[in-house]
C-alpha atoms as a PDB file:
ATOM      1  CA  UNK A   1      -0.068   0.154   0.268  1.00  0.00           C
ATOM      2  CA  UNK A   2       1.654   3.145  -1.030  1.00  0.00           C
ATOM      3  CA  UNK A   3       1.526   5.645   1.978  1.00  0.00           C
ATOM      4  CA  UNK A   4       1.239   9.315   2.275  1.00  0.00           C
ATOM      5  CA  UNK A   5       5.155  10.031   1.367  1.00  0.00           C
ATOM      6  CA  UNK A   6       5.580   7.708  -1.282  1.00  0.00           C
ATOM      7  CA  UNK A   7       1.917   8.987  -2.559  1.00  0.00           C
ATOM      8  CA  UNK A   8       2.966  12.841  -2.444  1.00  0.00           C
ATOM      9  CA  UNK A   9       6.364  11.771  -4.398  1.00  0.00           C
ATOM     10  CA  UNK A  10       4.664  10.255  -7.136  1.00  0.00           C
ATOM     11  CA  UNK A  11       3.218  13.453  -7.582  1.00  0.00           C
ATOM     12  CA  UNK A  12       5.807  15.630  -7.198  1.00  0.00           C
ATOM     13  CA  UNK A  13       7.781  13.031  -9.687  1.00  0.00           C
ATOM     14  CA  UNK A  14       4.707  13.740 -12.087  1.00  0.00           C
ATOM     15  CA  UNK A  15       4.552  17.279 -12.159  1.00  0.00           C
ATOM     16  CA  UNK A  16       8.742  17.876 -12.288  1.00  0.00           C
ATOM     17  CA  UNK A  17       8.541  14.975 -15.364  1.00  0.00           C
ATOM     18  CA  UNK A  18       5.040  16.905 -16.777  1.00  0.00           C
ATOM     19  CA  UNK A  19       7.238  20.474 -16.632  1.00  0.00           C
ATOM     20  CA  UNK A  20      11.041  18.998 -17.681  1.00  0.00           C
ATOM     21  CA  UNK A  21       8.946  17.933 -20.920  1.00  0.00           C
ATOM     22  CA  UNK A  22       7.511  20.553 -21.468  1.00  0.00           C
ATOM     23  CA  UNK A  23      10.141  22.968 -20.877  1.00  0.00           C
ATOM     24  CA  UNK A  24      11.858  21.202 -23.431  1.00  0.00           C
ATOM     25  CA  UNK A  25       9.662  21.284 -26.744  1.00  0.00           C
ATOM     26  CA  UNK A  26       9.603  25.191 -25.325  1.00  0.00           C
ATOM     27  CA  UNK A  27      13.453  24.875 -25.702  1.00  0.00           C
ATOM     28  CA  UNK A  28      13.362  23.342 -28.957  1.00  0.00           C
ATOM     29  CA  UNK A  29      10.887  26.211 -30.272  1.00  0.00           C
ATOM     30  CA  UNK A  30      12.616  29.106 -29.131  1.00  0.00           C
ATOM     31  CA  UNK A  31      16.219  27.860 -30.467  1.00  0.00           C
ATOM     32  CA  UNK A  32      17.940  29.193 -32.934  1.00  0.00           C
ATOM     33  CA  UNK A  33      15.867  32.775 -33.083  1.00  0.00           C
ATOM     34  CA  UNK A  34      17.441  35.861 -33.799  1.00  0.00           C
ATOM     35  CA  UNK A  35      16.799  38.036 -31.036  1.00  0.00           C
ATOM     36  CA  UNK A  36      18.054  38.857 -27.407  1.00  0.00           C
ATOM     37  CA  UNK A  37      14.846  38.550 -25.792  1.00  0.00           C
ATOM     38  CA  UNK A  38      12.938  34.859 -27.113  1.00  0.00           C
ATOM     39  CA  UNK A  39      17.356  33.196 -27.149  1.00  0.00           C
ATOM     40  CA  UNK A  40      17.159  34.326 -23.387  1.00  0.00           C
ATOM     41  CA  UNK A  41      13.789  32.772 -23.191  1.00  0.00           C
ATOM     42  CA  UNK A  42      15.447  29.762 -24.899  1.00  0.00           C
ATOM     43  CA  UNK A  43      17.948  29.374 -22.692  1.00  0.00           C
ATOM     44  CA  UNK A  44      15.385  30.075 -19.516  1.00  0.00           C
ATOM     45  CA  UNK A  45      13.319  27.059 -20.089  1.00  0.00           C
ATOM     46  CA  UNK A  46      16.833  24.513 -21.401  1.00  0.00           C
ATOM     47  CA  UNK A  47      17.549  25.276 -17.706  1.00  0.00           C
ATOM     48  CA  UNK A  48      14.569  24.632 -16.236  1.00  0.00           C
ATOM     49  CA  UNK A  49      14.600  21.569 -18.282  1.00  0.00           C
ATOM     50  CA  UNK A  50      17.670  19.942 -17.159  1.00  0.00           C
ATOM     51  CA  UNK A  51      16.334  21.191 -13.396  1.00  0.00           C
ATOM     52  CA  UNK A  52      13.665  19.292 -13.665  1.00  0.00           C
ATOM     53  CA  UNK A  53      15.273  16.264 -15.057  1.00  0.00           C
ATOM     54  CA  UNK A  54      17.839  16.589 -12.277  1.00  0.00           C
ATOM     55  CA  UNK A  55      14.992  16.386  -9.340  1.00  0.00           C
ATOM     56  CA  UNK A  56      13.755  13.139 -10.498  1.00  0.00           C
ATOM     57  CA  UNK A  57      17.077  11.779 -11.900  1.00  0.00           C
ATOM     58  CA  UNK A  58      20.277  13.836 -10.653  1.00  0.00           C
ATOM     59  CA  UNK A  59      21.957  12.702  -7.593  1.00  0.00           C
ATOM     60  CA  UNK A  60      20.323   9.767  -4.880  1.00  0.00           C
ATOM     61  CA  UNK A  61      20.456  12.458  -2.269  1.00  0.00           C
ATOM     62  CA  UNK A  62      18.103  14.113  -3.838  1.00  0.00           C
ATOM     63  CA  UNK A  63      14.825  13.815  -2.005  1.00  0.00           C
ATOM     64  CA  UNK A  64      12.290  13.648  -5.224  1.00  0.00           C
ATOM     65  CA  UNK A  65      14.809  11.148  -7.146  1.00  0.00           C
ATOM     66  CA  UNK A  66      12.476   8.595  -8.136  1.00  0.00           C
ATOM     67  CA  UNK A  67      14.719   5.349  -6.382  1.00  0.00           C
ATOM     68  CA  UNK A  68      12.906   6.706  -3.005  1.00  0.00           C
ATOM     69  CA  UNK A  69       9.937   5.245  -4.729  1.00  0.00           C
ATOM     70  CA  UNK A  70      11.381   1.804  -3.922  1.00  0.00           C
ATOM     71  CA  UNK A  71      12.934   2.223  -0.299  1.00  0.00           C
ATOM     72  CA  UNK A  72       9.947  -0.313   1.125  1.00  0.00           C
ATOM     73  CA  UNK A  73      10.203  -2.542  -1.555  1.00  0.00           C
ATOM     74  CA  UNK A  74       8.919  -3.311  -4.819  1.00  0.00           C
ATOM     75  CA  UNK A  75       5.582  -1.210  -5.832  1.00  0.00           C
ATOM     76  CA  UNK A  76       3.845  -2.743  -8.887  1.00  0.00           C
ATOM     77  CA  UNK A  77       6.160  -5.506  -9.214  1.00  0.00           C
ATOM     78  CA  UNK A  78       8.955  -3.105  -9.880  1.00  0.00           C
ATOM     79  CA  UNK A  79      12.018  -2.309  -8.573  1.00  0.00           C
ATOM     80  CA  UNK A  80      14.783   0.277  -8.607  1.00  0.00           C
ATOM     81  CA  UNK A  81      16.937  -1.600 -11.017  1.00  0.00           C
ATOM     82  CA  UNK A  82      14.021  -2.624 -13.535  1.00  0.00           C
ATOM     83  CA  UNK A  83      12.638   0.724 -12.959  1.00  0.00           C
ATOM     84  CA  UNK A  84      16.692   1.872 -14.473  1.00  0.00           C
ATOM     85  CA  UNK A  85      16.732  -0.928 -17.119  1.00  0.00           C
ATOM     86  CA  UNK A  86      13.922   0.615 -18.871  1.00  0.00           C
ATOM     87  CA  UNK A  87      15.307   4.298 -18.837  1.00  0.00           C
ATOM     88  CA  UNK A  88      18.588   2.490 -20.484  1.00  0.00           C
ATOM     89  CA  UNK A  89      16.511   1.145 -22.772  1.00  0.00           C
ATOM     90  CA  UNK A  90      14.392   3.869 -23.365  1.00  0.00           C
ATOM     91  CA  UNK A  91      17.322   6.105 -24.246  1.00  0.00           C
ATOM     92  CA  UNK A  92      19.267   2.419 -26.241  1.00  0.00           C
ATOM     93  CA  UNK A  93      22.210   2.723 -23.713  1.00  0.00           C
ATOM     94  CA  UNK A  94      24.194   0.570 -21.412  1.00  0.00           C
ATOM     95  CA  UNK A  95      25.351   1.434 -18.099  1.00  0.00           C
ATOM     96  CA  UNK A  96      28.767   3.091 -18.640  1.00  0.00           C
ATOM     97  CA  UNK A  97      26.708   5.214 -21.166  1.00  0.00           C
ATOM     98  CA  UNK A  98      24.063   6.617 -18.582  1.00  0.00           C
ATOM     99  CA  UNK A  99      26.398   7.268 -16.548  1.00  0.00           C
ATOM    100  CA  UNK A 100      28.319   9.317 -18.841  1.00  0.00           C
ATOM    101  CA  UNK A 101      25.552  10.970 -20.280  1.00  0.00           C
ATOM    102  CA  UNK A 102      24.383  11.373 -16.273  1.00  0.00           C
ATOM    103  CA  UNK A 103      26.886  13.573 -15.143  1.00  0.00           C
ATOM    104  CA  UNK A 104      26.872  15.434 -17.971  1.00  0.00           C
ATOM    105  CA  UNK A 105      23.381  16.427 -17.178  1.00  0.00           C
ATOM    106  CA  UNK A 106      24.298  17.101 -13.280  1.00  0.00           C
ATOM    107  CA  UNK A 107      27.421  18.813 -14.637  1.00  0.00           C
ATOM    108  CA  UNK A 108      25.733  21.515 -16.967  1.00  0.00           C
ATOM    109  CA  UNK A 109      23.258  21.859 -13.591  1.00  0.00           C
ATOM    110  CA  UNK A 110      25.743  21.884 -10.558  1.00  0.00           C
ATOM    111  CA  UNK A 111      28.844  23.868 -12.470  1.00  0.00           C
ATOM    112  CA  UNK A 112      26.285  26.661 -14.677  1.00  0.00           C
ATOM    113  CA  UNK A 113      22.750  26.841 -13.565  1.00  0.00           C
ATOM    114  CA  UNK A 114      23.274  26.531 -10.482  1.00  0.00           C
ATOM    115  CA  UNK A 115      26.609  27.361  -8.968  1.00  0.00           C
ATOM    116  CA  UNK A 116      28.062  28.873 -12.810  1.00  0.00           C
ATOM    117  CA  UNK A 117      32.152  27.844 -12.309  1.00  0.00           C
ATOM    118  CA  UNK A 118      33.433  30.316 -15.030  1.00  0.00           C
ATOM    119  CA  UNK A 119      36.656  29.319 -13.986  1.00  0.00           C
ATOM    120  CA  UNK A 120      36.892  26.222 -14.119  1.00  0.00           C
ATOM    121  CA  UNK A 121      38.718  24.912 -17.448  1.00  0.00           C
ATOM    122  CA  UNK A 122      36.515  23.450 -19.005  1.00  0.00           C
ATOM    123  CA  UNK A 123      32.219  24.212 -19.244  1.00  0.00           C
ATOM    124  CA  UNK A 124      29.738  21.978 -19.395  1.00  0.00           C
ATOM    125  CA  UNK A 125      27.744  21.311 -22.617  1.00  0.00           C
ATOM    126  CA  UNK A 126      24.424  21.163 -22.747  1.00  0.00           C
ATOM    127  CA  UNK A 127      22.092  18.067 -22.466  1.00  0.00           C
ATOM    128  CA  UNK A 128      20.185  16.414 -26.010  1.00  0.00           C
ATOM    129  CA  UNK A 129      16.443  17.225 -24.618  1.00  0.00           C
ATOM    130  CA  UNK A 130      15.118  14.747 -26.649  1.00  0.00           C
ATOM    131  CA  UNK A 131      16.852  12.246 -24.442  1.00  0.00           C
ATOM    132  CA  UNK A 132      15.751  13.859 -20.827  1.00  0.00           C
ATOM    133  CA  UNK A 133      12.009  13.826 -22.248  1.00  0.00           C
ATOM    134  CA  UNK A 134      12.462  10.734 -23.473  1.00  0.00           C
ATOM    135  CA  UNK A 135      13.554   8.943 -19.397  1.00  0.00           C
ATOM    136  CA  UNK A 136      10.510  11.706 -17.947  1.00  0.00           C
ATOM    137  CA  UNK A 137       7.788  10.006 -20.668  1.00  0.00           C
ATOM    138  CA  UNK A 138       9.285   6.413 -19.288  1.00  0.00           C
ATOM    139  CA  UNK A 139       8.883   7.804 -15.861  1.00  0.00           C
ATOM    140  CA  UNK A 140       4.889   9.131 -15.772  1.00  0.00           C
ATOM    141  CA  UNK A 141       4.754   5.434 -17.500  1.00  0.00           C
ATOM    142  CA  UNK A 142       5.926   4.428 -14.091  1.00  0.00           C
ATOM    143  CA  UNK A 143       4.141   6.947 -12.090  1.00  0.00           C
ATOM    144  CA  UNK A 144       0.788   5.297 -13.933  1.00  0.00           C
ATOM    145  CA  UNK A 145       1.462   2.051 -13.551  1.00  0.00           C
ATOM    146  CA  UNK A 146       2.378   2.214 -10.092  1.00  0.00           C
ATOM    147  CA  UNK A 147      -1.099   4.125  -8.803  1.00  0.00           C
ATOM    148  CA  UNK A 148      -3.267   1.684 -11.184  1.00  0.00           C
ATOM    149  CA  UNK A 149      -2.002  -1.243  -8.781  1.00  0.00           C
ATOM    150  CA  UNK A 150      -1.300  -0.147  -5.670  1.00  0.00           C
ATOM    151  CA  UNK A 151      -3.650   0.959  -3.105  1.00  0.00           C
ATOM    152  CA  UNK A 152      -2.844   4.302  -1.464  1.00  0.00           C
ATOM    153  CA  UNK A 153      -3.473   4.987   2.343  1.00  0.00           C
ATOM    154  CA  UNK A 154      -5.085   7.890   1.188  1.00  0.00           C
ATOM    155  CA  UNK A 155      -7.921   7.410  -0.656  1.00  0.00           C
ATOM    156  CA  UNK A 156      -8.273  10.863  -2.520  1.00  0.00           C
ATOM    157  CA  UNK A 157      -5.017  11.673  -3.054  1.00  0.00           C
ATOM    158  CA  UNK A 158      -4.666   8.173  -4.293  1.00  0.00           C
ATOM    159  CA  UNK A 159      -7.440   8.501  -6.390  1.00  0.00           C
ATOM    160  CA  UNK A 160      -6.693  11.966  -7.574  1.00  0.00           C
ATOM    161  CA  UNK A 161      -2.968  11.403  -8.928  1.00  0.00           C
ATOM    162  CA  UNK A 162      -4.527   7.954 -10.802  1.00  0.00           C
ATOM    163  CA  UNK A 163      -7.324  10.099 -12.108  1.00  0.00           C
ATOM    164  CA  UNK A 164      -4.592  12.767 -13.454  1.00  0.00           C
ATOM    165  CA  UNK A 165      -2.251  10.148 -14.840  1.00  0.00           C
ATOM    166  CA  UNK A 166      -4.511   8.404 -16.261  1.00  0.00           C
ATOM    167  CA  UNK A 167      -6.380  11.174 -18.013  1.00  0.00           C
ATOM    168  CA  UNK A 168      -3.330  12.902 -19.327  1.00  0.00           C
ATOM    169  CA  UNK A 169      -1.074  10.130 -20.785  1.00  0.00           C
ATOM    170  CA  UNK A 170       2.198  10.740 -22.343  1.00  0.00           C
ATOM    171  CA  UNK A 171       0.291  10.718 -26.105  1.00  0.00           C
ATOM    172  CA  UNK A 172      -2.215  13.420 -24.293  1.00  0.00           C
ATOM    173  CA  UNK A 173       0.421  15.626 -23.000  1.00  0.00           C
ATOM    174  CA  UNK A 174       2.691  15.850 -26.085  1.00  0.00           C
ATOM    175  CA  UNK A 175      -0.835  17.097 -28.089  1.00  0.00           C
ATOM    176  CA  UNK A 176      -1.379  19.321 -25.427  1.00  0.00           C
ATOM    177  CA  UNK A 177       2.432  21.212 -25.991  1.00  0.00           C
ATOM    178  CA  UNK A 178       2.272  20.437 -29.288  1.00  0.00           C
ATOM    179  CA  UNK A 179      -0.778  23.113 -29.722  1.00  0.00           C
ATOM    180  CA  UNK A 180       0.473  24.993 -26.883  1.00  0.00           C
ATOM    181  CA  UNK A 181       3.669  25.219 -28.862  1.00  0.00           C
ATOM    182  CA  UNK A 182       2.106  26.698 -31.753  1.00  0.00           C
ATOM    183  CA  UNK A 183       0.835  29.781 -29.455  1.00  0.00           C
ATOM    184  CA  UNK A 184       4.320  29.895 -28.346  1.00  0.00           C
ATOM    185  CA  UNK A 185       5.272  29.378 -32.399  1.00  0.00           C
ATOM    186  CA  UNK A 186       3.086  32.645 -32.948  1.00  0.00           C
ATOM    187  CA  UNK A 187       4.538  34.692 -30.861  1.00  0.00           C
ATOM    188  CA  UNK A 188       7.640  34.265 -31.619  1.00  0.00           C
ATOM    189  CA  UNK A 189       7.606  35.276 -35.056  1.00  0.00           C
ATOM    190  CA  UNK A 190       4.782  38.186 -34.547  1.00  0.00           C
ATOM    191  CA  UNK A 191       1.560  36.527 -35.269  1.00  0.00           C
ATOM    192  CA  UNK A 192      -1.327  36.847 -33.094  1.00  0.00           C
END
């Protein structure tokens, strides 16, 4: 049974995934615009995308890291290792490749977005937002499977989360973001 802390963590992971995906998609829309306002906006989208991704997948010491879901054991017939393998599969990476990718995202957050180590001899590279989106889509599926399979001690909270994640499937979320991106695209081109 999902306790209150697990329900809250599932919700925080869901929201962070959605925000990461949305920011990545808006980042793509704003990329390449030769205007300081939109270039700044694009950088903001990219930065918040990385920050939300790291909330879920960054350091295990983060209170919102997905591994905390499995501290009391399996959920929905899944372990942390099962989820890790699903993430690797979605990215087409092995453990070593993922470690390099993960370190790159963390370096971008830690060394540039949060602490700006401008005197460091090497500048972190900005991560591939498509990969960030892929991991978040997998995690949203995992969250959905957990809330569909496991009962919750707080029935109302559990039902609210279950209803939300079942209503906003990955396909529906991506469709909504695509529609919203068209509004951003019009704004970027100066149309109303």
